[in-house]
Structures are given as structure tokens and as C-alpha cells.
Amino acid sequence: MNQVTAVKLTGGDGDEAIAVRQIGPTFGAEITGMPIHGDVSPELLTQFIAALHRYRVLIVPGLDLDPGDLVAFSRRFGPLEIHARFQNTLPKHREVFCVGNVERDGMTASFSRGVEQWHADSSYRAKPSDASLFYAEIVPDEGGDTMFADATAAWRALDPETRRRIDGLQAVHSLETLRLWGERHNPDRKSDVSAQNAEFPPIRQPLVRAHPATGAKSLYLCPAVISHIEDLGPNESADLIETLIMHTTQARFVYNHRWRKGDLVMWDNSAVLHTATLFDHTRYQRLMYRTTIAGNAPALAD
């Protein structure tokens, strides 16, 4: 979809406008005209947040940001999390989690050589993140894309019987489950996470959640983090999660973002899932800066 909608707002020293162009099948939009540096009028910030709730993934292209810029812009949306893997954050900006295969300035980015998994950020926290921002600092010539799945549209497309079956179910999200999954799929990525497990014990999250701002329902699926679904046996839990993730990640619900240096992508963790694609780390470098907006406890859908 390439429809462009110009939103005219008045604020600050004169007229302000952002342009919104939907680029995904059911969600996702490219935003132009949104100031990232310096002051942003409350009206324009409100419109940007409204666009995030409407499109769930927003792309602001062609920026030149340093980590301090990213932190300052991210703080406009709320308090920021410090990632559980503290060693992969920037020493001067601990709010910035680094992803890729780069080491510099006292920082080692978090890197997986094996398969990635669909997830929403910070699902292992009692209050998972509301939104995440990803900035492309170094982009490989090929590979290293990020795929987003519209968990809101996927819920709407479920048949009524399945909706009735899963509404109200609780899944247990566990960092230990994620560690074991990671060792199976990334055997060279072993680390002591006992301190993280103590800080973030297993937590119950709804399988169907209601958006804290809009009330819209979506599927809350993190297969590598979910140990089981309460009131279901292990096999039934695994089969249900697999069925739902296969439904949610159909092409009609997925947008694949091919990164360009200077892209800033913000997504709504209450409404979408995401995963990375692989790239040839022996030929290319990749470095992404991520900030994460601390969130509200997810609510069970009515």
C-alpha cells in the first residue's frame, strides 16, 4: 500500500505537518516531517503516538543520530528500560542496548549466529515494554532484515471457536526457558544468567492481551520464552503455541524491513511481534541501537 496521508498540525512557531505512508499489508507506515532533534510540539508528538497506535510500526528514514539523540527522543514517550544483558549496553548510555557483531568503545553488541525467534520485547518482565526504537548505525549489504508480524490483525482473523478457546489463557514467560532455547539454537552463545533469572523470575502473561491505550486485542506469543500455558499439558501447550505462531506469521500479516543506514523504526510491543533475519557475519558488520519504553502490566482481554 502506498497511500500518503498528510496530517496538518499547528504548533510551535508555525504550521507543522507529518506525512504517513502505509507500507505493510495491514500495518506499518513510513513517517516524514517528524522532528527528532530539539523541541517537538505536544500536538505533533500526540499525532506521532496516534500514528503508532494506528499503524503499530513506524519508520523514520534518513536520520543522523548519535546514542544521546536516540535516548533523548525515546524519553519523550516514557521512562526507559535498562536491558537485562547489561554487558551489551553502551557504557555512556546504559539505556541503549546494542545488537550486532561489533565491539567498540568498551561495548560488545549482542549477537546470535543461529536462528532467531518471534517475540515481543521484555515479555519476561512483570511490566513488559510498551514500545521499542531501533536505529540502524551499521547495515550489512545483504541480510540482517527485521520482520514484523501484526498480532492484532492475526487475532481478528481467528475463527470464533479458537478465540473462545484461548481467551483468558495464561502463558508462563521465563528467562530460563529462553536460555535453554538459545543454547539449542546458538550453541556457541553460552552465558551465566543466574543473576538475571533471580531478578526476573517466571511470570504469567495473558495469551490474548488488550492494548493499554486502545483496548484492541492481540496475540501475545513469544515461543522461545514461554515455558507452558497454564491448565494445558506440555504437548497441548506446545501444539497451541505452534498453531498460533504459524497463523500470526503468515505473509498477509508480515512486513519485512530492509534496513538502510539512518533508519529509525519504532514499534508497539503491545500489538506486534518481530524477529531478525540472518546475515553473513564473516563478511559484513551490523550494529543497531535499541531503546525500550518501560510499560504497563498487560491486561487480559475482556
Protein backbone atom coordinates (compact mmCIF):
# COMPACT_ATOMS: atom_id res chain seq x y z
CA MET A 1 0.00 0.00 0.00
CA ASN A 2 1.34 3.44 -0.93
CA GLN A 3 -1.38 5.82 0.13
CA VAL A 4 0.07 9.07 1.53
CA THR A 5 -1.92 10.93 4.15
CA ALA A 6 -0.68 14.41 5.14
CA VAL A 7 -1.57 15.46 8.65
CA LYS A 8 -1.53 19.25 9.15
CA LEU A 9 -1.00 20.47 12.67
CA THR A 10 -0.38 23.91 14.09
CA GLY A 11 2.06 24.31 16.93
CA GLY A 12 5.31 25.94 17.91
CA ASP A 13 6.35 28.73 15.57
CA GLY A 14 4.06 27.81 12.69
CA ASP A 15 2.33 25.08 10.77
CA GLU A 16 3.73 21.59 11.19
CA ALA A 17 2.91 18.53 9.15
CA ILE A 18 3.83 14.88 9.06
CA ALA A 19 3.20 12.58 6.11
CA VAL A 20 2.14 8.99 6.71
CA ARG A 21 2.55 6.32 4.02
CA GLN A 22 1.33 2.81 4.80
CA ILE A 23 3.82 0.23 3.55
CA GLY A 24 2.77 -3.08 5.13
CA PRO A 25 -0.18 -5.32 4.20
CA THR A 26 -2.25 -4.48 7.29
CA PHE A 27 0.07 -2.20 9.25
CA GLY A 28 3.40 -0.33 9.15
CA ALA A 29 3.94 3.22 7.89
CA GLU A 30 6.78 5.48 6.83
CA ILE A 31 6.77 8.88 8.51
CA THR A 32 8.31 12.07 7.12
CA GLY A 33 8.27 15.53 8.62
CA MET A 34 8.72 14.36 12.22
CA PRO A 35 11.50 16.30 14.00
CA ILE A 36 13.76 14.05 16.05
CA HIS A 37 16.24 16.60 17.41
CA GLY A 38 15.34 19.55 19.61
CA ASP A 39 11.88 20.60 20.65
CA VAL A 40 8.78 18.81 19.42
CA SER A 41 5.38 20.38 19.97
CA PRO A 42 2.92 18.42 22.13
CA GLU A 43 0.48 18.39 19.20
CA LEU A 44 2.99 16.79 16.87
CA LEU A 45 4.10 14.27 19.48
CA THR A 46 0.46 13.33 20.13
CA GLN A 47 -0.08 12.80 16.40
CA PHE A 48 3.04 10.62 16.20
CA ILE A 49 1.78 8.46 19.07
CA ALA A 50 -1.63 8.21 17.41
CA ALA A 51 0.09 7.02 14.22
CA LEU A 52 1.98 4.40 16.25
CA HIS A 53 -1.29 3.09 17.68
CA ARG A 54 -2.89 3.08 14.23
CA TYR A 55 -0.02 1.53 12.21
CA ARG A 56 1.85 -0.29 15.01
CA VAL A 57 5.24 0.03 13.24
CA LEU A 58 6.64 3.43 12.19
CA ILE A 59 9.72 4.01 10.01
CA VAL A 60 11.50 7.37 10.05
CA PRO A 61 14.18 7.21 7.33
CA GLY A 62 17.37 9.15 6.59
CA LEU A 63 18.39 10.26 10.07
CA ASP A 64 21.81 11.00 11.56
CA LEU A 65 21.56 10.14 15.25
CA ASP A 66 24.12 9.53 17.95
CA PRO A 67 23.16 7.45 21.01
CA GLY A 68 22.41 10.57 23.06
CA ASP A 69 19.96 11.75 20.39
CA LEU A 70 18.20 8.39 20.43
CA VAL A 71 17.91 8.40 24.22
CA ALA A 72 16.57 11.97 24.30
CA PHE A 73 13.92 11.26 21.64
CA SER A 74 12.92 7.96 23.26
CA ARG A 75 12.39 9.61 26.63
CA ARG A 76 9.60 11.70 25.11
CA PHE A 77 7.46 8.54 25.23
CA GLY A 78 8.18 7.48 28.82
CA PRO A 79 10.86 6.05 31.11
CA LEU A 80 13.42 3.74 29.53
CA GLU A 81 14.40 0.21 30.50
CA ILE A 82 17.94 -0.97 31.17
CA HIS A 83 18.33 -4.29 29.36
CA ALA A 84 18.85 -7.44 31.43
CA ARG A 85 22.06 -8.14 29.44
CA PHE A 86 23.86 -5.13 30.91
CA GLN A 87 27.14 -6.10 29.23
CA ASN A 88 25.59 -5.33 25.83
CA THR A 89 24.63 -1.74 26.69
CA LEU A 90 26.63 1.41 25.95
CA PRO A 91 28.85 2.48 28.87
CA LYS A 92 27.88 6.15 28.41
CA HIS A 93 24.23 5.45 27.66
CA ARG A 94 23.07 2.35 29.53
CA GLU A 95 19.56 2.79 28.09
CA VAL A 96 20.96 1.80 24.68
CA PHE A 97 21.10 -1.94 24.02
CA CYS A 98 23.44 -2.83 21.15
CA VAL A 99 22.65 -5.57 18.65
CA GLY A 100 25.12 -6.86 16.06
CA ASN A 101 28.65 -8.18 15.66
CA VAL A 102 30.63 -5.05 16.55
CA GLU A 103 32.90 -4.30 19.50
CA ARG A 104 33.99 -0.72 20.12
CA ASP A 105 34.26 1.97 22.78
CA GLY A 106 34.00 -0.54 25.63
CA MET A 107 30.85 -2.11 24.15
CA THR A 108 30.23 -5.62 22.82
CA ALA A 109 26.99 -5.91 20.87
CA SER A 110 24.61 -8.82 21.43
CA PHE A 111 24.96 -11.26 18.54
CA SER A 112 23.29 -14.55 17.60
CA ARG A 113 24.85 -16.71 14.89
CA GLY A 114 21.92 -19.10 14.80
CA VAL A 115 18.20 -18.92 14.26
CA GLU A 116 16.17 -16.07 15.75
CA GLN A 117 12.69 -16.28 17.25
CA TRP A 118 9.47 -14.28 17.08
CA HIS A 119 8.88 -12.25 20.21
CA ALA A 120 7.77 -9.02 21.83
CA ASP A 121 10.45 -7.25 23.86
CA SER A 122 10.71 -7.73 27.64
CA SER A 123 7.90 -10.28 27.92
CA TYR A 124 9.79 -11.78 30.89
CA ARG A 125 9.17 -8.60 32.95
CA ALA A 126 6.10 -8.14 35.13
CA LYS A 127 5.53 -4.93 33.14
CA PRO A 128 6.73 -5.64 29.58
CA SER A 129 7.78 -2.74 27.39
CA ASP A 130 5.23 -0.56 25.64
CA ALA A 131 7.40 0.17 22.60
CA SER A 132 10.91 -0.21 21.21
CA LEU A 133 13.03 2.01 18.98
CA PHE A 134 15.74 0.58 16.70
CA TYR A 135 18.30 2.77 14.95
CA ALA A 136 20.50 1.48 12.11
CA GLU A 137 24.10 2.54 12.72
CA ILE A 138 25.87 -0.06 10.53
CA VAL A 139 23.91 -2.07 7.96
CA PRO A 140 25.19 -5.15 6.04
CA ASP A 141 24.98 -5.14 2.26
CA GLU A 142 22.61 -8.11 2.41
CA GLY A 143 20.66 -9.87 5.14
CA GLY A 144 20.04 -8.64 8.66
CA ASP A 145 16.44 -7.58 7.94
CA THR A 146 13.81 -7.35 10.66
CA MET A 147 10.39 -8.94 10.15
CA PHE A 148 7.29 -7.71 11.96
CA ALA A 149 4.06 -9.68 12.43
CA ASP A 150 0.74 -7.93 13.02
CA ALA A 151 -0.54 -9.78 16.10
CA THR A 152 -3.60 -7.52 16.19
CA ALA A 153 -4.79 -8.36 12.67
CA ALA A 154 -3.93 -12.01 13.33
CA TRP A 155 -6.28 -12.06 16.34
CA ARG A 156 -9.07 -10.50 14.29
CA ALA A 157 -8.66 -13.18 11.63
CA LEU A 158 -9.03 -16.13 14.02
CA ASP A 159 -12.20 -18.18 13.81
CA PRO A 160 -14.70 -17.64 16.66
CA GLU A 161 -14.15 -21.11 18.14
CA THR A 162 -10.40 -20.55 18.51
CA ARG A 163 -10.99 -17.12 20.02
CA ARG A 164 -13.27 -18.61 22.65
CA ARG A 165 -10.79 -21.38 23.39
CA ILE A 166 -7.77 -19.15 24.01
CA ASP A 167 -9.33 -16.02 25.53
CA GLY A 168 -8.37 -15.95 29.21
CA LEU A 169 -5.48 -18.42 28.97
CA GLN A 170 -2.25 -17.52 30.76
CA ALA A 171 1.25 -18.35 29.48
CA VAL A 172 4.34 -18.52 31.69
CA HIS A 173 7.28 -16.49 30.32
CA SER A 174 10.70 -17.50 31.63
CA LEU A 175 14.27 -16.30 31.03
CA GLU A 176 15.47 -19.81 31.84
CA THR A 177 13.30 -21.16 29.01
CA LEU A 178 14.87 -18.55 26.71
CA ARG A 179 18.39 -19.53 27.86
CA LEU A 180 17.78 -23.20 27.09
CA TRP A 181 16.25 -22.32 23.71
CA GLY A 182 19.26 -20.13 22.91
CA GLU A 183 21.75 -22.86 23.75
CA ARG A 184 19.94 -25.30 21.45
CA HIS A 185 19.88 -22.91 18.51
CA ASN A 186 23.05 -20.89 19.20
CA PRO A 187 25.41 -23.45 20.80
CA ASP A 188 28.37 -21.04 20.93
CA ARG A 189 26.36 -18.43 22.86
CA LYS A 190 26.55 -19.60 26.47
CA SER A 191 26.47 -17.25 29.44
CA ASP A 192 25.74 -17.25 33.16
CA VAL A 193 22.28 -15.75 33.56
CA SER A 194 21.64 -16.82 37.15
CA ALA A 195 21.55 -13.19 38.32
CA GLN A 196 19.05 -12.31 35.58
CA ASN A 197 16.86 -15.29 36.48
CA ALA A 198 16.86 -14.16 40.12
CA GLU A 199 15.86 -10.61 39.15
CA PHE A 200 13.22 -11.75 36.65
CA PRO A 201 11.55 -14.99 37.84
CA PRO A 202 8.93 -16.70 35.63
CA ILE A 203 5.88 -14.51 35.09
CA ARG A 204 2.33 -15.17 33.90
CA GLN A 205 1.21 -13.20 30.85
CA PRO A 206 -2.13 -13.38 29.00
CA LEU A 207 -2.12 -15.25 25.71
CA VAL A 208 -4.60 -12.69 24.42
CA ARG A 209 -3.85 -9.20 25.63
CA ALA A 210 -5.69 -5.89 25.47
CA HIS A 211 -3.75 -2.85 24.30
CA PRO A 212 -3.25 -0.47 27.28
CA ALA A 213 -4.20 2.60 25.21
CA THR A 214 -6.63 1.41 22.53
CA GLY A 215 -8.11 -1.73 24.09
CA ALA A 216 -7.53 -3.66 20.84
CA LYS A 217 -6.88 -7.37 21.32
CA SER A 218 -3.78 -9.12 20.03
CA LEU A 219 -1.98 -12.45 20.35
CA TYR A 220 0.90 -12.34 22.84
CA LEU A 221 3.24 -15.03 21.55
CA CYS A 222 6.92 -15.50 22.42
CA PRO A 223 7.60 -19.19 21.67
CA ALA A 224 11.21 -19.24 22.92
CA VAL A 225 10.27 -17.54 26.20
CA ILE A 226 7.02 -19.36 27.04
CA SER A 227 7.64 -22.46 29.15
CA HIS A 228 3.99 -23.56 29.06
CA ILE A 229 0.36 -22.44 29.06
CA GLU A 230 -1.39 -22.88 32.37
CA ASP A 231 -4.11 -25.56 32.58
CA LEU A 232 -2.74 -27.30 29.47
CA GLY A 233 -0.37 -30.26 29.26
CA PRO A 234 3.14 -29.81 27.79
CA ASN A 235 2.24 -31.24 24.38
CA GLU A 236 -1.03 -29.33 24.16
CA SER A 237 0.77 -26.12 25.15
CA ALA A 238 3.45 -26.62 22.51
CA ASP A 239 0.93 -27.51 19.81
CA LEU A 240 -1.25 -24.47 20.54
CA ILE A 241 1.69 -22.07 20.52
CA GLU A 242 2.95 -23.55 17.25
CA THR A 243 -0.50 -23.28 15.65
CA LEU A 244 -0.94 -19.67 16.74
CA ILE A 245 2.55 -18.56 15.68
CA MET A 246 2.10 -20.19 12.26
CA HIS A 247 -1.18 -18.30 11.89
CA THR A 248 0.29 -14.97 13.04
CA THR A 249 3.37 -15.14 10.81
CA GLN A 250 1.54 -15.77 7.54
CA ALA A 251 2.71 -13.48 4.73
CA ARG A 252 -0.53 -11.49 4.87
CA PHE A 253 0.35 -10.34 8.40
CA VAL A 254 4.11 -9.79 7.95
CA TYR A 255 6.15 -6.75 6.93
CA ASN A 256 9.87 -7.30 6.19
CA HIS A 257 12.02 -4.23 6.81
CA ARG A 258 15.21 -3.97 4.75
CA TRP A 259 17.40 -1.63 6.77
CA ARG A 260 19.13 1.45 5.40
CA LYS A 261 21.71 3.33 7.42
CA GLY A 262 19.93 6.07 9.34
CA ASP A 263 16.58 4.29 9.60
CA LEU A 264 14.77 4.69 12.90
CA VAL A 265 11.97 2.17 13.45
CA MET A 266 9.59 2.33 16.39
CA TRP A 267 7.16 -0.49 17.07
CA ASP A 268 4.35 -1.17 19.50
CA ASN A 269 5.19 -4.23 21.59
CA SER A 270 1.56 -4.43 22.67
CA ALA A 271 0.45 -5.14 19.11
CA VAL A 272 3.22 -6.74 17.02
CA LEU A 273 5.88 -9.45 17.15
CA HIS A 274 9.28 -9.21 15.50
CA THR A 275 12.33 -11.29 14.61
CA ALA A 276 15.68 -10.78 12.90
CA THR A 277 16.96 -12.49 9.77
CA LEU A 278 20.49 -13.80 9.46
CA PHE A 279 23.40 -12.19 7.62
CA ASP A 280 26.95 -13.29 6.76
CA HIS A 281 28.84 -12.09 9.83
CA THR A 282 32.15 -13.22 8.31
CA ARG A 283 31.77 -10.64 5.50
CA TYR A 284 29.68 -7.84 6.98
CA GLN A 285 29.22 -5.82 10.12
CA ARG A 286 25.87 -4.89 11.64
CA LEU A 287 25.26 -2.53 14.56
CA MET A 288 21.83 -1.45 15.77
CA TYR A 289 20.99 0.73 18.76
CA ARG A 290 17.81 -0.12 20.68
CA THR A 291 15.95 1.75 23.36
CA THR A 292 12.89 0.33 25.09
CA ILE A 293 9.99 2.22 26.65
CA ALA A 294 9.01 0.79 30.03
CA GLY A 295 5.43 -0.41 30.03
CA ASN A 296 2.22 -1.13 31.80
CA ALA A 297 1.30 -4.57 33.04
CA PRO A 298 -0.59 -6.32 30.21
CA ALA A 299 -4.31 -6.68 30.74
CA LEU A 300 -6.41 -9.72 29.99
CA ALA A 301 -8.73 -9.09 27.08
CA ASP A 302 -12.39 -8.87 28.04
